[in-house]
Amino acid sequence: MTDLSHYLLSNTEETADFTPNSRYVGLPLRVMTDANGTERVFVSRRFLPQPASTERVQSLVIREGDRLDLLGAAYYADASKWWCIADANLVQHPDELVSQIGRRIALRSDDTENGSGGR
């Protein structure tokens, strides 16, 4: 392991400088060596949380002009928390959530308690 890789891995708190509302906050750094022998430091894989029970999930219907960042701002009081909506719907391509007007999507109710709760 190179000195840089060792430093990065031993100082995860400083180097993995994700904001508290990031979906990557708290994930450990890892190192891998590629085919050329170059060490690459990366953030560990993030697993999606299990969907909440239906009693705890709020939903909304997509309207024209909706965007995930705007929905994040409206429901979680933070536009950068759009990923909470993607997680609640277990999608691989987040933009598909707002691509169809009239589509009903889920919101995680535990996050709406900290936000403004609606649009």
Protein backbone atom coordinates (compact mmCIF):
# COMPACT_ATOMS: atom_id res chain seq x y z
CA MET A 1 0.00 0.00 0.00
CA THR A 2 1.37 3.43 -0.91
CA ASP A 3 1.84 6.16 1.68
CA LEU A 4 -1.02 8.14 0.12
CA SER A 5 -3.41 5.17 0.26
CA HIS A 6 -2.40 4.46 3.83
CA TYR A 7 -2.96 8.12 4.74
CA LEU A 8 -6.37 8.24 3.05
CA LEU A 9 -7.54 5.07 4.73
CA SER A 10 -6.27 6.08 8.15
CA ASN A 11 -7.90 9.51 7.96
CA THR A 12 -11.33 8.58 6.67
CA GLU A 13 -13.07 11.31 8.65
CA GLU A 14 -10.96 14.04 7.02
CA THR A 15 -10.69 12.70 3.50
CA ALA A 16 -14.19 11.33 2.99
CA ASP A 17 -15.48 14.85 3.46
CA PHE A 18 -19.13 14.34 2.64
CA THR A 19 -21.73 16.77 3.91
CA PRO A 20 -24.01 15.46 6.67
CA ASN A 21 -26.93 15.18 4.22
CA SER A 22 -24.94 13.13 1.68
CA ARG A 23 -25.95 9.57 0.94
CA TYR A 24 -22.26 8.65 1.26
CA VAL A 25 -21.62 10.10 4.73
CA GLY A 26 -20.13 7.53 7.08
CA LEU A 27 -19.13 5.04 4.38
CA PRO A 28 -15.55 3.81 4.76
CA LEU A 29 -12.88 4.26 2.11
CA ARG A 30 -11.30 1.19 0.48
CA VAL A 31 -8.29 0.68 -1.74
CA MET A 32 -7.86 -1.56 -4.77
CA THR A 33 -4.94 -2.16 -7.09
CA ASP A 34 -5.69 -2.09 -10.81
CA ALA A 35 -4.06 -4.24 -13.50
CA ASN A 36 -1.21 -1.70 -13.87
CA GLY A 37 -0.41 -1.82 -10.16
CA THR A 38 -1.92 1.61 -9.47
CA GLU A 39 -3.74 1.88 -6.18
CA ARG A 40 -7.18 3.49 -6.32
CA VAL A 41 -9.00 4.73 -3.24
CA PHE A 42 -12.79 4.63 -3.44
CA VAL A 43 -15.86 4.90 -1.25
CA SER A 44 -17.35 1.57 -0.19
CA ARG A 45 -20.51 0.35 -1.83
CA ARG A 46 -23.70 1.85 -0.50
CA PHE A 47 -26.64 -0.52 -0.09
CA LEU A 48 -30.15 0.83 -0.42
CA PRO A 49 -32.22 0.75 2.74
CA GLN A 50 -35.15 -1.64 2.87
CA PRO A 51 -38.43 0.00 1.87
CA ALA A 52 -40.55 1.23 4.75
CA SER A 53 -43.82 -0.43 5.57
CA THR A 54 -46.80 1.02 3.70
CA GLU A 55 -48.20 2.62 6.86
CA ARG A 56 -45.11 4.81 7.18
CA VAL A 57 -44.79 5.89 3.55
CA GLN A 58 -46.19 9.13 2.23
CA SER A 59 -46.70 9.41 -1.51
CA LEU A 60 -47.16 12.12 -4.08
CA VAL A 61 -48.31 12.36 -7.67
CA ILE A 62 -45.84 13.80 -10.18
CA ARG A 63 -46.95 17.05 -11.79
CA GLU A 64 -45.62 18.84 -14.84
CA GLY A 65 -42.37 20.62 -14.04
CA ASP A 66 -41.49 18.41 -11.05
CA ARG A 67 -37.78 17.71 -10.60
CA LEU A 68 -36.15 15.63 -7.91
CA ASP A 69 -34.14 18.54 -6.53
CA LEU A 70 -37.29 20.65 -6.23
CA LEU A 71 -39.13 17.77 -4.54
CA GLY A 72 -36.19 17.29 -2.17
CA ALA A 73 -36.38 20.97 -1.25
CA ALA A 74 -40.15 20.83 -0.78
CA TYR A 75 -40.32 17.63 1.29
CA TYR A 76 -36.97 17.52 3.09
CA ALA A 77 -36.12 21.26 3.15
CA ASP A 78 -32.92 20.39 1.27
CA ALA A 79 -32.64 20.09 -2.52
CA SER A 80 -29.58 17.83 -2.19
CA LYS A 81 -31.72 15.16 -0.46
CA TRP A 82 -33.36 14.14 -3.77
CA TRP A 83 -31.65 10.80 -3.27
CA CYS A 84 -34.00 10.05 -0.33
CA ILE A 85 -36.85 9.99 -2.86
CA ALA A 86 -34.86 7.71 -5.17
CA ASP A 87 -34.11 5.38 -2.23
CA ALA A 88 -37.78 5.23 -1.21
CA ASN A 89 -38.68 4.09 -4.72
CA LEU A 90 -35.74 1.70 -5.24
CA VAL A 91 -34.90 3.04 -8.71
CA GLN A 92 -31.62 2.74 -10.57
CA HIS A 93 -32.21 5.83 -12.71
CA PRO A 94 -33.66 8.57 -10.49
CA ASP A 95 -34.89 10.77 -13.36
CA GLU A 96 -37.41 8.08 -14.31
CA LEU A 97 -39.38 9.04 -11.18
CA VAL A 98 -40.39 12.41 -12.62
CA SER A 99 -40.54 11.47 -16.30
CA GLN A 100 -44.23 10.49 -16.28
CA ILE A 101 -46.82 13.03 -15.16
CA GLY A 102 -49.41 11.37 -12.92
CA ARG A 103 -47.00 8.74 -11.61
CA ARG A 104 -47.36 8.10 -7.86
CA ILE A 105 -44.04 7.92 -6.03
CA ALA A 106 -43.15 7.19 -2.41
CA LEU A 107 -41.49 9.45 0.14
CA ARG A 108 -39.79 8.18 3.26
CA SER A 109 -41.87 9.49 6.12
CA ASP A 110 -38.99 9.43 8.59
CA ASP A 111 -37.21 12.11 6.54
CA THR A 112 -40.31 14.29 6.07
CA GLU A 113 -40.45 14.86 9.82
CA ASN A 114 -37.25 16.91 9.51
CA GLY A 115 -38.35 18.89 6.47
CA SER A 116 -41.19 21.14 5.52
CA GLY A 117 -43.43 18.19 4.71
CA GLY A 118 -44.96 19.29 1.45
CA ARG A 119 -45.08 21.50 -1.54
